[in-house]
Amino acid sequence: MNLGLVTGCVISGFGLGSLLFTEVCQTIANPDDLKPTIILYQNGIENSYFDQNVANEVPKMLRILAGCYAFLAMNAILFIKPPKSLNSP
């Protein structure tokens, strides 16, 4: 029926969701666009970390994202309905 349309919408949703929620995450956790300030070298590999100000905002960011995902999932459930009939065209 409209399998291609549905598949396209689902794949577009994944792409747009990652684009949108990346910006939401950065706005919540690092609103001042700070760069990593803690640099550690381990086995010749440079690892960069953010300071405590950014790290303290991560739990808040995760709670907000969980609320957004729950809201979206609850709204998506409203659109689920059983098929009319398996035999009808």
C-alpha atoms as a PDB file:
ATOM      1  CA  MET A   1       0.000   0.000   0.000  1.00  0.00           C
ATOM      2  CA  ASN A   2       2.081   2.970   1.254  1.00  0.00           C
ATOM      3  CA  LEU A   3       5.013   0.960   2.538  1.00  0.00           C
ATOM      4  CA  GLY A   4       7.576   3.187   0.814  1.00  0.00           C
ATOM      5  CA  LEU A   5       6.046   6.321   2.266  1.00  0.00           C
ATOM      6  CA  VAL A   6       5.985   4.872   5.765  1.00  0.00           C
ATOM      7  CA  THR A   7       9.577   3.666   5.487  1.00  0.00           C
ATOM      8  CA  GLY A   8      10.687   7.085   4.268  1.00  0.00           C
ATOM      9  CA  CYS A   9       8.914   8.823   7.130  1.00  0.00           C
ATOM     10  CA  VAL A  10      10.527   6.526   9.690  1.00  0.00           C
ATOM     11  CA  ILE A  11      14.018   7.013   8.278  1.00  0.00           C
ATOM     12  CA  SER A  12      13.477  10.774   8.038  1.00  0.00           C
ATOM     13  CA  GLY A  13      12.338  10.763  11.663  1.00  0.00           C
ATOM     14  CA  PHE A  14      15.599   9.155  12.746  1.00  0.00           C
ATOM     15  CA  GLY A  15      17.633  11.747  10.877  1.00  0.00           C
ATOM     16  CA  LEU A  16      15.623  14.752  11.995  1.00  0.00           C
ATOM     17  CA  GLY A  17      15.473  13.458  15.558  1.00  0.00           C
ATOM     18  CA  SER A  18      19.231  13.189  15.822  1.00  0.00           C
ATOM     19  CA  LEU A  19      19.633  16.652  14.310  1.00  0.00           C
ATOM     20  CA  LEU A  20      17.106  18.203  16.681  1.00  0.00           C
ATOM     21  CA  PHE A  21      18.131  16.417  19.867  1.00  0.00           C
ATOM     22  CA  THR A  22      21.842  17.103  19.293  1.00  0.00           C
ATOM     23  CA  GLU A  23      21.091  20.811  19.413  1.00  0.00           C
ATOM     24  CA  VAL A  24      18.806  20.382  22.438  1.00  0.00           C
ATOM     25  CA  CYS A  25      21.512  18.439  24.291  1.00  0.00           C
ATOM     26  CA  GLN A  26      24.174  21.032  23.607  1.00  0.00           C
ATOM     27  CA  THR A  27      21.873  23.900  24.551  1.00  0.00           C
ATOM     28  CA  ILE A  28      21.058  22.293  27.896  1.00  0.00           C
ATOM     29  CA  ALA A  29      24.428  20.835  28.896  1.00  0.00           C
ATOM     30  CA  ASN A  30      26.783  23.393  27.373  1.00  0.00           C
ATOM     31  CA  PRO A  31      24.891  26.627  26.641  1.00  0.00           C
ATOM     32  CA  ASP A  32      28.057  28.763  26.579  1.00  0.00           C
ATOM     33  CA  ASP A  33      29.719  26.467  23.992  1.00  0.00           C
ATOM     34  CA  LEU A  34      32.703  25.846  26.247  1.00  0.00           C
ATOM     35  CA  LYS A  35      35.573  23.771  24.906  1.00  0.00           C
ATOM     36  CA  PRO A  36      37.056  20.824  26.830  1.00  0.00           C
ATOM     37  CA  THR A  37      39.522  22.123  29.399  1.00  0.00           C
ATOM     38  CA  ILE A  38      40.831  18.907  30.944  1.00  0.00           C
ATOM     39  CA  ILE A  39      43.270  17.086  28.695  1.00  0.00           C
ATOM     40  CA  LEU A  40      44.750  13.773  29.776  1.00  0.00           C
ATOM     41  CA  TYR A  41      47.201  11.597  27.889  1.00  0.00           C
ATOM     42  CA  GLN A  42      46.796   7.856  28.311  1.00  0.00           C
ATOM     43  CA  ASN A  43      48.879   5.410  26.289  1.00  0.00           C
ATOM     44  CA  GLY A  44      49.773   8.156  23.828  1.00  0.00           C
ATOM     45  CA  ILE A  45      46.129   9.047  23.214  1.00  0.00           C
ATOM     46  CA  GLU A  46      44.796  12.501  24.028  1.00  0.00           C
ATOM     47  CA  ASN A  47      41.484  12.460  25.921  1.00  0.00           C
ATOM     48  CA  SER A  48      39.609  15.748  26.355  1.00  0.00           C
ATOM     49  CA  TYR A  49      37.035  16.303  29.083  1.00  0.00           C
ATOM     50  CA  PHE A  50      34.757  19.155  30.078  1.00  0.00           C
ATOM     51  CA  ASP A  51      35.011  20.871  33.447  1.00  0.00           C
ATOM     52  CA  GLN A  52      32.563  20.480  36.337  1.00  0.00           C
ATOM     53  CA  ASN A  53      30.152  23.177  35.097  1.00  0.00           C
ATOM     54  CA  VAL A  54      29.252  21.195  31.990  1.00  0.00           C
ATOM     55  CA  ALA A  55      29.340  17.835  33.772  1.00  0.00           C
ATOM     56  CA  ASN A  56      26.835  19.023  36.381  1.00  0.00           C
ATOM     57  CA  GLU A  57      24.274  19.774  33.656  1.00  0.00           C
ATOM     58  CA  VAL A  58      24.343  16.265  32.105  1.00  0.00           C
ATOM     59  CA  PRO A  59      21.842  14.646  34.551  1.00  0.00           C
ATOM     60  CA  LYS A  60      19.414  17.532  33.937  1.00  0.00           C
ATOM     61  CA  MET A  61      19.858  17.071  30.180  1.00  0.00           C
ATOM     62  CA  LEU A  62      19.126  13.340  30.432  1.00  0.00           C
ATOM     63  CA  ARG A  63      15.958  13.958  32.453  1.00  0.00           C
ATOM     64  CA  ILE A  64      14.696  16.484  29.917  1.00  0.00           C
ATOM     65  CA  LEU A  65      15.473  14.128  27.019  1.00  0.00           C
ATOM     66  CA  ALA A  66      13.697  11.260  28.791  1.00  0.00           C
ATOM     67  CA  GLY A  67      10.642  13.476  29.207  1.00  0.00           C
ATOM     68  CA  CYS A  68      10.746  14.485  25.528  1.00  0.00           C
ATOM     69  CA  TYR A  69      11.058  10.866  24.369  1.00  0.00           C
ATOM     70  CA  ALA A  70       8.225   9.778  26.671  1.00  0.00           C
ATOM     71  CA  PHE A  71       6.004  12.590  25.373  1.00  0.00           C
ATOM     72  CA  LEU A  72       6.742  11.662  21.754  1.00  0.00           C
ATOM     73  CA  ALA A  73       6.157   7.962  22.411  1.00  0.00           C
ATOM     74  CA  MET A  74       2.824   8.610  24.120  1.00  0.00           C
ATOM     75  CA  ASN A  75       1.692  10.728  21.192  1.00  0.00           C
ATOM     76  CA  ALA A  76       2.851   8.084  18.710  1.00  0.00           C
ATOM     77  CA  ILE A  77       0.764   5.466  20.522  1.00  0.00           C
ATOM     78  CA  LEU A  78      -2.347   7.480  19.667  1.00  0.00           C
ATOM     79  CA  PHE A  79      -1.734   6.848  15.953  1.00  0.00           C
ATOM     80  CA  ILE A  80      -1.530   3.062  16.268  1.00  0.00           C
ATOM     81  CA  LYS A  81      -4.676   1.272  15.194  1.00  0.00           C
ATOM     82  CA  PRO A  82      -5.451  -2.277  14.134  1.00  0.00           C
ATOM     83  CA  PRO A  83      -5.761  -2.960  10.409  1.00  0.00           C
ATOM     84  CA  LYS A  84      -9.274  -2.884   8.942  1.00  0.00           C
ATOM     85  CA  SER A  85      -9.005  -6.350   7.488  1.00  0.00           C
ATOM     86  CA  LEU A  86      -6.257  -8.569   6.187  1.00  0.00           C
ATOM     87  CA  ASN A  87      -8.392  -9.725   3.228  1.00  0.00           C
ATOM     88  CA  SER A  88      -9.622  -6.349   1.971  1.00  0.00           C
ATOM     89  CA  PRO A  89      -7.593  -4.613  -0.767  1.00  0.00           C
END
